[in-house]
Amino acid sequence: MDVTNLSSAELRQLQERVKQELKQRESQDLAKAREEIFAIAKSVGVSVQDLVGSGASARAKTGPVAPRYRNPADASQQWTGRGRQPQWVKDWLDAGNDISGLKL
């Protein structure tokens, strides 16, 4: 198709038709892929839930992480060692102390 002779309005219409066609084809491709996955899972005797359940979502349900560090001045302040350091950890390190002094 030679688009060089089309007007701006015709190009915009064509662009909109292409968007709609792409959306429809993506939907069809997704449905086809889903059917193929179900067929493969069924042929080997595995449910799709078993396949999906062993993914990242199952790992995300491991629960909270135990704290590894405790503030010696206030035992109620604990830190797991993940994420941003609490201010009391920063103060401890800025004072020249080693973090191993905070380990539980």
PDB file of N, CA and C in Angstrom:
ATOM      1  N   MET A   1       0.847  -1.171   0.000  1.00  0.00           N
ATOM      2  CA  MET A   1       0.000   0.000   0.000  1.00  0.00           C
ATOM      3  C   MET A   1       0.900   1.244   0.000  1.00  0.00           C
ATOM      4  N   ASP A   2       0.667   2.112  -0.897  1.00  0.00           N
ATOM      5  CA  ASP A   2       1.425   3.353  -1.015  1.00  0.00           C
ATOM      6  C   ASP A   2       0.690   4.444  -0.236  1.00  0.00           C
ATOM      7  N   VAL A   3       1.273   4.884   0.874  1.00  0.00           N
ATOM      8  CA  VAL A   3       0.622   5.875   1.720  1.00  0.00           C
ATOM      9  C   VAL A   3       1.076   7.303   1.415  1.00  0.00           C
ATOM     10  N   THR A   4       1.998   7.460   0.508  1.00  0.00           N
ATOM     11  CA  THR A   4       2.526   8.795   0.221  1.00  0.00           C
ATOM     12  C   THR A   4       1.490   9.699  -0.429  1.00  0.00           C
ATOM     13  N   ASN A   5       0.496   9.143  -1.087  1.00  0.00           N
ATOM     14  CA  ASN A   5      -0.515   9.952  -1.768  1.00  0.00           C
ATOM     15  C   ASN A   5      -1.747  10.225  -0.910  1.00  0.00           C
ATOM     16  N   LEU A   6      -1.762   9.708   0.322  1.00  0.00           N
ATOM     17  CA  LEU A   6      -2.918   9.903   1.198  1.00  0.00           C
ATOM     18  C   LEU A   6      -2.838  11.260   1.885  1.00  0.00           C
ATOM     19  N   SER A   7      -4.005  11.835   2.151  1.00  0.00           N
ATOM     20  CA  SER A   7      -4.064  13.107   2.879  1.00  0.00           C
ATOM     21  C   SER A   7      -3.834  12.839   4.365  1.00  0.00           C
ATOM     22  N   SER A   8      -3.663  13.903   5.123  1.00  0.00           N
ATOM     23  CA  SER A   8      -3.464  13.756   6.574  1.00  0.00           C
ATOM     24  C   SER A   8      -4.677  13.103   7.219  1.00  0.00           C
ATOM     25  N   ALA A   9      -5.861  13.501   6.794  1.00  0.00           N
ATOM     26  CA  ALA A   9      -7.087  12.915   7.353  1.00  0.00           C
ATOM     27  C   ALA A   9      -7.161  11.427   7.035  1.00  0.00           C
ATOM     28  N   GLU A  10      -6.818  11.056   5.826  1.00  0.00           N
ATOM     29  CA  GLU A  10      -6.842   9.644   5.441  1.00  0.00           C
ATOM     30  C   GLU A  10      -5.792   8.853   6.213  1.00  0.00           C
ATOM     31  N   LEU A  11      -4.637   9.461   6.450  1.00  0.00           N
ATOM     32  CA  LEU A  11      -3.605   8.788   7.238  1.00  0.00           C
ATOM     33  C   LEU A  11      -4.066   8.562   8.679  1.00  0.00           C
ATOM     34  N   ARG A  12      -4.754   9.566   9.244  1.00  0.00           N
ATOM     35  CA  ARG A  12      -5.269   9.403  10.613  1.00  0.00           C
ATOM     36  C   ARG A  12      -6.308   8.298  10.674  1.00  0.00           C
ATOM     37  N   GLN A  13      -7.174   8.224   9.669  1.00  0.00           N
ATOM     38  CA  GLN A  13      -8.171   7.156   9.619  1.00  0.00           C
ATOM     39  C   GLN A  13      -7.495   5.793   9.513  1.00  0.00           C
ATOM     40  N   LEU A  14      -6.488   5.746   8.678  1.00  0.00           N
ATOM     41  CA  LEU A  14      -5.739   4.494   8.519  1.00  0.00           C
ATOM     42  C   LEU A  14      -5.063   4.109   9.828  1.00  0.00           C
ATOM     43  N   GLN A  15      -4.504   5.104  10.490  1.00  0.00           N
ATOM     44  CA  GLN A  15      -3.845   4.853  11.771  1.00  0.00           C
ATOM     45  C   GLN A  15      -4.836   4.295  12.783  1.00  0.00           C
ATOM     46  N   GLU A  16      -6.021   4.841  12.836  1.00  0.00           N
ATOM     47  CA  GLU A  16      -7.043   4.368  13.770  1.00  0.00           C
ATOM     48  C   GLU A  16      -7.473   2.936  13.426  1.00  0.00           C
ATOM     49  N   ARG A  17      -7.622   2.655  12.153  1.00  0.00           N
ATOM     50  CA  ARG A  17      -7.986   1.288  11.729  1.00  0.00           C
ATOM     51  C   ARG A  17      -6.888   0.306  12.098  1.00  0.00           C
ATOM     52  N   VAL A  18      -5.626   0.722  11.939  1.00  0.00           N
ATOM     53  CA  VAL A  18      -4.508  -0.151  12.304  1.00  0.00           C
ATOM     54  C   VAL A  18      -4.518  -0.423  13.805  1.00  0.00           C
ATOM     55  N   LYS A  19      -4.769   0.596  14.627  1.00  0.00           N
ATOM     56  CA  LYS A  19      -4.845   0.416  16.079  1.00  0.00           C
ATOM     57  C   LYS A  19      -5.928  -0.586  16.443  1.00  0.00           C
ATOM     58  N   GLN A  20      -7.108  -0.422  15.824  1.00  0.00           N
ATOM     59  CA  GLN A  20      -8.216  -1.326  16.109  1.00  0.00           C
ATOM     60  C   GLN A  20      -7.888  -2.754  15.688  1.00  0.00           C
ATOM     61  N   GLU A  21      -7.278  -2.899  14.534  1.00  0.00           N
ATOM     62  CA  GLU A  21      -6.920  -4.234  14.045  1.00  0.00           C
ATOM     63  C   GLU A  21      -5.871  -4.882  14.949  1.00  0.00           C
ATOM     64  N   LEU A  22      -4.896  -4.102  15.379  1.00  0.00           N
ATOM     65  CA  LEU A  22      -3.874  -4.637  16.279  1.00  0.00           C
ATOM     66  C   LEU A  22      -4.483  -5.093  17.599  1.00  0.00           C
ATOM     67  N   LYS A  23      -5.406  -4.305  18.124  1.00  0.00           N
ATOM     68  CA  LYS A  23      -6.060  -4.667  19.379  1.00  0.00           C
ATOM     69  C   LYS A  23      -6.830  -5.979  19.219  1.00  0.00           C
ATOM     70  N   GLN A  24      -7.548  -6.106  18.091  1.00  0.00           N
ATOM     71  CA  GLN A  24      -8.320  -7.319  17.829  1.00  0.00           C
ATOM     72  C   GLN A  24      -7.397  -8.523  17.671  1.00  0.00           C
ATOM     73  N   ARG A  25      -6.305  -8.364  16.943  1.00  0.00           N
ATOM     74  CA  ARG A  25      -5.379  -9.481  16.727  1.00  0.00           C
ATOM     75  C   ARG A  25      -4.683  -9.891  18.021  1.00  0.00           C
ATOM     76  N   GLU A  26      -4.324  -8.915  18.849  1.00  0.00           N
ATOM     77  CA  GLU A  26      -3.704  -9.246  20.135  1.00  0.00           C
ATOM     78  C   GLU A  26      -4.665 -10.048  20.998  1.00  0.00           C
ATOM     79  N   SER A  27      -5.925  -9.673  20.971  1.00  0.00           N
ATOM     80  CA  SER A  27      -6.934 -10.400  21.720  1.00  0.00           C
ATOM     81  C   SER A  27      -7.073 -11.832  21.201  1.00  0.00           C
ATOM     82  N   GLN A  28      -7.072 -11.981  19.888  1.00  0.00           N
ATOM     83  CA  GLN A  28      -7.162 -13.315  19.283  1.00  0.00           C
ATOM     84  C   GLN A  28      -5.929 -14.150  19.606  1.00  0.00           C
ATOM     85  N   ASP A  29      -4.744 -13.525  19.531  1.00  0.00           N
ATOM     86  CA  ASP A  29      -3.508 -14.244  19.845  1.00  0.00           C
ATOM     87  C   ASP A  29      -3.495 -14.704  21.301  1.00  0.00           C
ATOM     88  N   LEU A  30      -3.974 -13.845  22.183  1.00  0.00           N
ATOM     89  CA  LEU A  30      -4.029 -14.204  23.598  1.00  0.00           C
ATOM     90  C   LEU A  30      -4.985 -15.372  23.828  1.00  0.00           C
ATOM     91  N   ALA A  31      -6.140 -15.340  23.194  1.00  0.00           N
ATOM     92  CA  ALA A  31      -7.108 -16.432  23.332  1.00  0.00           C
ATOM     93  C   ALA A  31      -6.532 -17.736  22.784  1.00  0.00           C
ATOM     94  N   LYS A  32      -5.849 -17.659  21.652  1.00  0.00           N
ATOM     95  CA  LYS A  32      -5.241 -18.854  21.064  1.00  0.00           C
ATOM     96  C   LYS A  32      -4.153 -19.416  21.974  1.00  0.00           C
ATOM     97  N   ALA A  33      -3.315 -18.545  22.526  1.00  0.00           N
ATOM     98  CA  ALA A  33      -2.257 -18.989  23.427  1.00  0.00           C
ATOM     99  C   ALA A  33      -2.854 -19.639  24.669  1.00  0.00           C
ATOM    100  N   ARG A  34      -3.914 -19.049  25.207  1.00  0.00           N
ATOM    101  CA  ARG A  34      -4.576 -19.602  26.387  1.00  0.00           C
ATOM    102  C   ARG A  34      -5.106 -21.004  26.089  1.00  0.00           C
ATOM    103  N   GLU A  35      -5.743 -21.176  24.929  1.00  0.00           N
ATOM    104  CA  GLU A  35      -6.260 -22.493  24.551  1.00  0.00           C
ATOM    105  C   GLU A  35      -5.133 -23.510  24.424  1.00  0.00           C
ATOM    106  N   GLU A  36      -4.026 -23.105  23.820  1.00  0.00           N
ATOM    107  CA  GLU A  36      -2.888 -24.012  23.662  1.00  0.00           C
ATOM    108  C   GLU A  36      -2.310 -24.408  25.015  1.00  0.00           C
ATOM    109  N   ILE A  37      -2.215 -23.465  25.930  1.00  0.00           N
ATOM    110  CA  ILE A  37      -1.688 -23.769  27.265  1.00  0.00           C
ATOM    111  C   ILE A  37      -2.607 -24.744  27.986  1.00  0.00           C
ATOM    112  N   PHE A  38      -3.918 -24.503  27.923  1.00  0.00           N
ATOM    113  CA  PHE A  38      -4.866 -25.431  28.543  1.00  0.00           C
ATOM    114  C   PHE A  38      -4.743 -26.826  27.945  1.00  0.00           C
ATOM    115  N   ALA A  39      -4.601 -26.901  26.631  1.00  0.00           N
ATOM    116  CA  ALA A  39      -4.500 -28.205  25.965  1.00  0.00           C
ATOM    117  C   ALA A  39      -3.229 -28.933  26.383  1.00  0.00           C
ATOM    118  N   ILE A  40      -2.118 -28.215  26.437  1.00  0.00           N
ATOM    119  CA  ILE A  40      -0.849 -28.845  26.846  1.00  0.00           C
ATOM    120  C   ILE A  40      -0.941 -29.322  28.287  1.00  0.00           C
ATOM    121  N   ALA A  41      -1.464 -28.478  29.175  1.00  0.00           N
ATOM    122  CA  ALA A  41      -1.588 -28.853  30.581  1.00  0.00           C
ATOM    123  C   ALA A  41      -2.482 -30.082  30.731  1.00  0.00           C
ATOM    124  N   LYS A  42      -3.588 -30.098  29.998  1.00  0.00           N
ATOM    125  CA  LYS A  42      -4.511 -31.238  30.074  1.00  0.00           C
ATOM    126  C   LYS A  42      -3.859 -32.508  29.552  1.00  0.00           C
ATOM    127  N   SER A  43      -3.056 -32.393  28.489  1.00  0.00           N
ATOM    128  CA  SER A  43      -2.432 -33.581  27.893  1.00  0.00           C
ATOM    129  C   SER A  43      -1.403 -34.234  28.815  1.00  0.00           C
ATOM    130  N   VAL A  44      -0.821 -33.463  29.713  1.00  0.00           N
ATOM    131  CA  VAL A  44       0.153 -34.044  30.647  1.00  0.00           C
ATOM    132  C   VAL A  44      -0.439 -34.256  32.032  1.00  0.00           C
ATOM    133  N   GLY A  45      -1.730 -33.967  32.189  1.00  0.00           N
ATOM    134  CA  GLY A  45      -2.414 -34.225  33.443  1.00  0.00           C
ATOM    135  C   GLY A  45      -2.133 -33.206  34.535  1.00  0.00           C
ATOM    136  N   VAL A  46      -1.818 -31.986  34.148  1.00  0.00           N
ATOM    137  CA  VAL A  46      -1.543 -30.933  35.120  1.00  0.00           C
ATOM    138  C   VAL A  46      -2.594 -29.850  34.970  1.00  0.00           C
ATOM    139  N   SER A  47      -3.090 -29.360  36.104  1.00  0.00           N
ATOM    140  CA  SER A  47      -4.052 -28.271  36.013  1.00  0.00           C
ATOM    141  C   SER A  47      -3.305 -26.954  35.817  1.00  0.00           C
ATOM    142  N   VAL A  48      -3.973 -26.019  35.198  1.00  0.00           N
ATOM    143  CA  VAL A  48      -3.376 -24.707  34.980  1.00  0.00           C
ATOM    144  C   VAL A  48      -3.117 -24.033  36.321  1.00  0.00           C
ATOM    145  N   GLN A  49      -3.959 -24.280  37.303  1.00  0.00           N
ATOM    146  CA  GLN A  49      -3.747 -23.713  38.640  1.00  0.00           C
ATOM    147  C   GLN A  49      -2.427 -24.193  39.230  1.00  0.00           C
ATOM    148  N   ASP A  50      -2.078 -25.455  38.996  1.00  0.00           N
ATOM    149  CA  ASP A  50      -0.795 -25.964  39.477  1.00  0.00           C
ATOM    150  C   ASP A  50       0.360 -25.224  38.811  1.00  0.00           C
ATOM    151  N   LEU A  51       0.207 -24.934  37.532  1.00  0.00           N
ATOM    152  CA  LEU A  51       1.259 -24.205  36.813  1.00  0.00           C
ATOM    153  C   LEU A  51       1.372 -22.781  37.325  1.00  0.00           C
ATOM    154  N   VAL A  52       0.265 -22.120  37.498  1.00  0.00           N
ATOM    155  CA  VAL A  52       0.259 -20.730  37.935  1.00  0.00           C
ATOM    156  C   VAL A  52       0.654 -20.628  39.399  1.00  0.00           C
ATOM    157  N   GLY A  53       0.223 -21.567  40.202  1.00  0.00           N
ATOM    158  CA  GLY A  53       0.500 -21.535  41.635  1.00  0.00           C
ATOM    159  C   GLY A  53       1.958 -21.695  41.978  1.00  0.00           C
ATOM    160  N   SER A  54       2.778 -22.223  41.080  1.00  0.00           N
ATOM    161  CA  SER A  54       4.191 -22.417  41.385  1.00  0.00           C
ATOM    162  C   SER A  54       5.037 -21.242  40.948  1.00  0.00           C
ATOM    163  N   GLY A  55       4.395 -20.144  40.551  1.00  0.00           N
ATOM    164  CA  GLY A  55       5.128 -18.974  40.065  1.00  0.00           C
ATOM    165  C   GLY A  55       5.510 -18.020  41.168  1.00  0.00           C
ATOM    166  N   ALA A  56       5.738 -16.782  40.799  1.00  0.00           N
ATOM    167  CA  ALA A  56       6.205 -15.753  41.725  1.00  0.00           C
ATOM    168  C   ALA A  56       5.189 -15.470  42.823  1.00  0.00           C
ATOM    169  N   SER A  57       3.892 -15.641  42.527  1.00  0.00           N
ATOM    170  CA  SER A  57       2.885 -15.338  43.537  1.00  0.00           C
ATOM    171  C   SER A  57       3.000 -16.283  44.727  1.00  0.00           C
ATOM    172  N   ALA A  58       3.433 -17.518  44.502  1.00  0.00           N
ATOM    173  CA  ALA A  58       3.601 -18.444  45.609  1.00  0.00           C
ATOM    174  C   ALA A  58       4.787 -18.032  46.474  1.00  0.00           C
ATOM    175  N   ARG A  59       5.826 -17.500  45.870  1.00  0.00           N
ATOM    176  CA  ARG A  59       6.992 -17.069  46.631  1.00  0.00           C
ATOM    177  C   ARG A  59       6.699 -15.810  47.426  1.00  0.00           C
ATOM    178  N   ALA A  60       5.777 -15.003  46.975  1.00  0.00           N
ATOM    179  CA  ALA A  60       5.473 -13.752  47.659  1.00  0.00           C
ATOM    180  C   ALA A  60       4.756 -13.992  48.979  1.00  0.00           C
ATOM    181  N   LYS A  61       4.253 -15.175  49.213  1.00  0.00           N
ATOM    182  CA  LYS A  61       3.485 -15.478  50.411  1.00  0.00           C
ATOM    183  C   LYS A  61       4.341 -16.149  51.486  1.00  0.00           C
ATOM    184  N   THR A  62       5.598 -15.785  51.584  1.00  0.00           N
ATOM    185  CA  THR A  62       6.479 -16.439  52.539  1.00  0.00           C
ATOM    186  C   THR A  62       6.351 -15.880  53.938  1.00  0.00           C
ATOM    187  N   GLY A  63       5.788 -14.696  54.095  1.00  0.00           N
ATOM    188  CA  GLY A  63       5.594 -14.118  55.408  1.00  0.00           C
ATOM    189  C   GLY A  63       6.648 -13.077  55.725  1.00  0.00           C
ATOM    190  N   PRO A  64       6.546 -12.513  56.914  1.00  0.00           N
ATOM    191  CA  PRO A  64       7.467 -11.445  57.293  1.00  0.00           C
ATOM    192  C   PRO A  64       8.876 -11.982  57.547  1.00  0.00           C
ATOM    193  N   VAL A  65       9.846 -11.083  57.424  1.00  0.00           N
ATOM    194  CA  VAL A  65      11.241 -11.421  57.650  1.00  0.00           C
ATOM    195  C   VAL A  65      11.585 -11.109  59.098  1.00  0.00           C
ATOM    196  N   ALA A  66      12.311 -11.997  59.735  1.00  0.00           N
ATOM    197  CA  ALA A  66      12.691 -11.795  61.130  1.00  0.00           C
ATOM    198  C   ALA A  66      13.712 -10.671  61.243  1.00  0.00           C
ATOM    199  N   PRO A  67      13.632  -9.876  62.299  1.00  0.00           N
ATOM    200  CA  PRO A  67      14.619  -8.810  62.481  1.00  0.00           C
ATOM    201  C   PRO A  67      16.009  -9.389  62.757  1.00  0.00           C
ATOM    202  N   ARG A  68      17.027  -8.680  62.261  1.00  0.00           N
ATOM    203  CA  ARG A  68      18.411  -9.125  62.462  1.00  0.00           C
ATOM    204  C   ARG A  68      19.190  -8.180  63.367  1.00  0.00           C
ATOM    205  N   TYR A  69      18.668  -6.965  63.531  1.00  0.00           N
ATOM    206  CA  TYR A  69      19.388  -5.952  64.306  1.00  0.00           C
ATOM    207  C   TYR A  69      18.455  -5.327  65.334  1.00  0.00           C
ATOM    208  N   ARG A  70      19.028  -4.964  66.490  1.00  0.00           N
ATOM    209  CA  ARG A  70      18.249  -4.339  67.555  1.00  0.00           C
ATOM    210  C   ARG A  70      19.024  -3.153  68.095  1.00  0.00           C
ATOM    211  N   ASN A  71      18.296  -2.080  68.391  1.00  0.00           N
ATOM    212  CA  ASN A  71      18.895  -0.889  68.963  1.00  0.00           C
ATOM    213  C   ASN A  71      19.263  -1.185  70.417  1.00  0.00           C
ATOM    214  N   PRO A  72      20.547  -1.064  70.797  1.00  0.00           N
ATOM    215  CA  PRO A  72      20.921  -1.364  72.183  1.00  0.00           C
ATOM    216  C   PRO A  72      20.323  -0.372  73.181  1.00  0.00           C
ATOM    217  N   ALA A  73      20.001   0.828  72.729  1.00  0.00           N
ATOM    218  CA  ALA A  73      19.420   1.824  73.626  1.00  0.00           C
ATOM    219  C   ALA A  73      17.912   1.648  73.797  1.00  0.00           C
ATOM    220  N   ASP A  74      17.259   1.008  72.838  1.00  0.00           N
ATOM    221  CA  ASP A  74      15.809   0.807  72.877  1.00  0.00           C
ATOM    222  C   ASP A  74      15.494  -0.516  72.187  1.00  0.00           C
ATOM    223  N   ALA A  75      15.300  -1.564  72.971  1.00  0.00           N
ATOM    224  CA  ALA A  75      15.115  -2.910  72.430  1.00  0.00           C
ATOM    225  C   ALA A  75      13.861  -3.049  71.572  1.00  0.00           C
ATOM    226  N   SER A  76      12.944  -2.084  71.667  1.00  0.00           N
ATOM    227  CA  SER A  76      11.733  -2.173  70.857  1.00  0.00           C
ATOM    228  C   SER A  76      12.009  -1.799  69.396  1.00  0.00           C
ATOM    229  N   GLN A  77      13.151  -1.160  69.136  1.00  0.00           N
ATOM    230  CA  GLN A  77      13.505  -0.772  67.771  1.00  0.00           C
ATOM    231  C   GLN A  77      14.346  -1.871  67.143  1.00  0.00           C
ATOM    232  N   GLN A  78      13.772  -2.484  66.109  1.00  0.00           N
ATOM    233  CA  GLN A  78      14.445  -3.577  65.414  1.00  0.00           C
ATOM    234  C   GLN A  78      14.430  -3.306  63.928  1.00  0.00           C
ATOM    235  N   TRP A  79      15.362  -3.960  63.217  1.00  0.00           N
ATOM    236  CA  TRP A  79      15.463  -3.793  61.769  1.00  0.00           C
ATOM    237  C   TRP A  79      15.821  -5.127  61.150  1.00  0.00           C
ATOM    238  N   THR A  80      15.200  -5.436  59.996  1.00  0.00           N
ATOM    239  CA  THR A  80      15.446  -6.711  59.321  1.00  0.00           C
ATOM    240  C   THR A  80      16.733  -6.721  58.514  1.00  0.00           C
ATOM    241  N   GLY A  81      17.276  -5.553  58.236  1.00  0.00           N
ATOM    242  CA  GLY A  81      18.453  -5.466  57.382  1.00  0.00           C
ATOM    243  C   GLY A  81      18.079  -5.221  55.931  1.00  0.00           C
ATOM    244  N   ARG A  82      16.798  -5.087  55.678  1.00  0.00           N
ATOM    245  CA  ARG A  82      16.305  -4.823  54.328  1.00  0.00           C
ATOM    246  C   ARG A  82      15.734  -3.416  54.262  1.00  0.00           C
ATOM    247  N   GLY A  83      15.815  -2.831  53.085  1.00  0.00           N
ATOM    248  CA  GLY A  83      15.252  -1.498  52.907  1.00  0.00           C
ATOM    249  C   GLY A  83      16.158  -0.425  53.493  1.00  0.00           C
ATOM    250  N   ARG A  84      15.590   0.753  53.656  1.00  0.00           N
ATOM    251  CA  ARG A  84      16.363   1.881  54.195  1.00  0.00           C
ATOM    252  C   ARG A  84      16.759   1.622  55.628  1.00  0.00           C
ATOM    253  N   GLN A  85      17.954   2.070  55.978  1.00  0.00           N
ATOM    254  CA  GLN A  85      18.408   1.945  57.357  1.00  0.00           C
ATOM    255  C   GLN A  85      17.630   2.930  58.231  1.00  0.00           C
ATOM    256  N   PRO A  86      17.157   2.480  59.376  1.00  0.00           N
ATOM    257  CA  PRO A  86      16.519   3.409  60.308  1.00  0.00           C
ATOM    258  C   PRO A  86      17.544   4.419  60.812  1.00  0.00           C
ATOM    259  N   GLN A  87      17.058   5.515  61.326  1.00  0.00           N
ATOM    260  CA  GLN A  87      17.952   6.573  61.797  1.00  0.00           C
ATOM    261  C   GLN A  87      18.867   6.084  62.908  1.00  0.00           C
ATOM    262  N   TRP A  88      18.366   5.218  63.795  1.00  0.00           N
ATOM    263  CA  TRP A  88      19.210   4.744  64.882  1.00  0.00           C
ATOM    264  C   TRP A  88      20.373   3.897  64.375  1.00  0.00           C
ATOM    265  N   VAL A  89      20.185   3.190  63.248  1.00  0.00           N
ATOM    266  CA  VAL A  89      21.284   2.423  62.635  1.00  0.00           C
ATOM    267  C   VAL A  89      22.290   3.396  62.031  1.00  0.00           C
ATOM    268  N   LYS A  90      21.803   4.414  61.340  1.00  0.00           N
ATOM    269  CA  LYS A  90      22.702   5.417  60.758  1.00  0.00           C
ATOM    270  C   LYS A  90      23.516   6.103  61.851  1.00  0.00           C
ATOM    271  N   ASP A  91      22.846   6.472  62.947  1.00  0.00           N
ATOM    272  CA  ASP A  91      23.550   7.127  64.054  1.00  0.00           C
ATOM    273  C   ASP A  91      24.633   6.215  64.628  1.00  0.00           C
ATOM    274  N   TRP A  92      24.325   4.948  64.765  1.00  0.00           N
ATOM    275  CA  TRP A  92      25.265   3.952  65.287  1.00  0.00           C
ATOM    276  C   TRP A  92      26.504   3.863  64.388  1.00  0.00           C
ATOM    277  N   LEU A  93      26.265   3.788  63.085  1.00  0.00           N
ATOM    278  CA  LEU A  93      27.375   3.673  62.138  1.00  0.00           C
ATOM    279  C   LEU A  93      28.169   4.978  62.051  1.00  0.00           C
ATOM    280  N   ASP A  94      27.484   6.120  62.121  1.00  0.00           N
ATOM    281  CA  ASP A  94      28.164   7.423  62.080  1.00  0.00           C
ATOM    282  C   ASP A  94      29.056   7.626  63.300  1.00  0.00           C
ATOM    283  N   ALA A  95      28.715   6.976  64.395  1.00  0.00           N
ATOM    284  CA  ALA A  95      29.525   7.084  65.620  1.00  0.00           C
ATOM    285  C   ALA A  95      30.779   6.216  65.543  1.00  0.00           C
ATOM    286  N   GLY A  96      30.973   5.529  64.406  1.00  0.00           N
ATOM    287  CA  GLY A  96      32.167   4.712  64.211  1.00  0.00           C
ATOM    288  C   GLY A  96      32.003   3.277  64.661  1.00  0.00           C
ATOM    289  N   ASN A  97      30.817   2.892  64.996  1.00  0.00           N
ATOM    290  CA  ASN A  97      30.568   1.511  65.440  1.00  0.00           C
ATOM    291  C   ASN A  97      30.334   0.608  64.235  1.00  0.00           C
ATOM    292  N   ASP A  98      30.560  -0.682  64.427  1.00  0.00           N
ATOM    293  CA  ASP A  98      30.323  -1.675  63.395  1.00  0.00           C
ATOM    294  C   ASP A  98      28.895  -2.201  63.528  1.00  0.00           C
ATOM    295  N   ILE A  99      28.270  -2.499  62.402  1.00  0.00           N
ATOM    296  CA  ILE A  99      26.889  -2.977  62.440  1.00  0.00           C
ATOM    297  C   ILE A  99      26.752  -4.314  63.148  1.00  0.00           C
ATOM    298  N   SER A 100      27.836  -5.078  63.218  1.00  0.00           N
ATOM    299  CA  SER A 100      27.778  -6.359  63.917  1.00  0.00           C
ATOM    300  C   SER A 100      27.452  -6.184  65.395  1.00  0.00           C
ATOM    301  N   GLY A 101      27.669  -4.983  65.945  1.00  0.00           N
ATOM    302  CA  GLY A 101      27.326  -4.712  67.317  1.00  0.00           C
ATOM    303  C   GLY A 101      25.829  -4.629  67.554  1.00  0.00           C
ATOM    304  N   LEU A 102      25.066  -4.568  66.505  1.00  0.00           N
ATOM    305  CA  LEU A 102      23.605  -4.477  66.612  1.00  0.00           C
ATOM    306  C   LEU A 102      22.919  -5.818  66.370  1.00  0.00           C
ATOM    307  N   LYS A 103      23.693  -6.827  65.954  1.00  0.00           N
ATOM    308  CA  LYS A 103      23.078  -8.126  65.624  1.00  0.00           C
ATOM    309  C   LYS A 103      22.400  -8.749  66.830  1.00  0.00           C
ATOM    310  N   LEU A 104      21.315  -9.432  66.564  1.00  0.00           N
ATOM    311  CA  LEU A 104      20.577 -10.135  67.635  1.00  0.00           C
ATOM    312  C   LEU A 104      21.334 -11.350  68.094  1.00  0.00           C
TER     313      LEU A 104
END
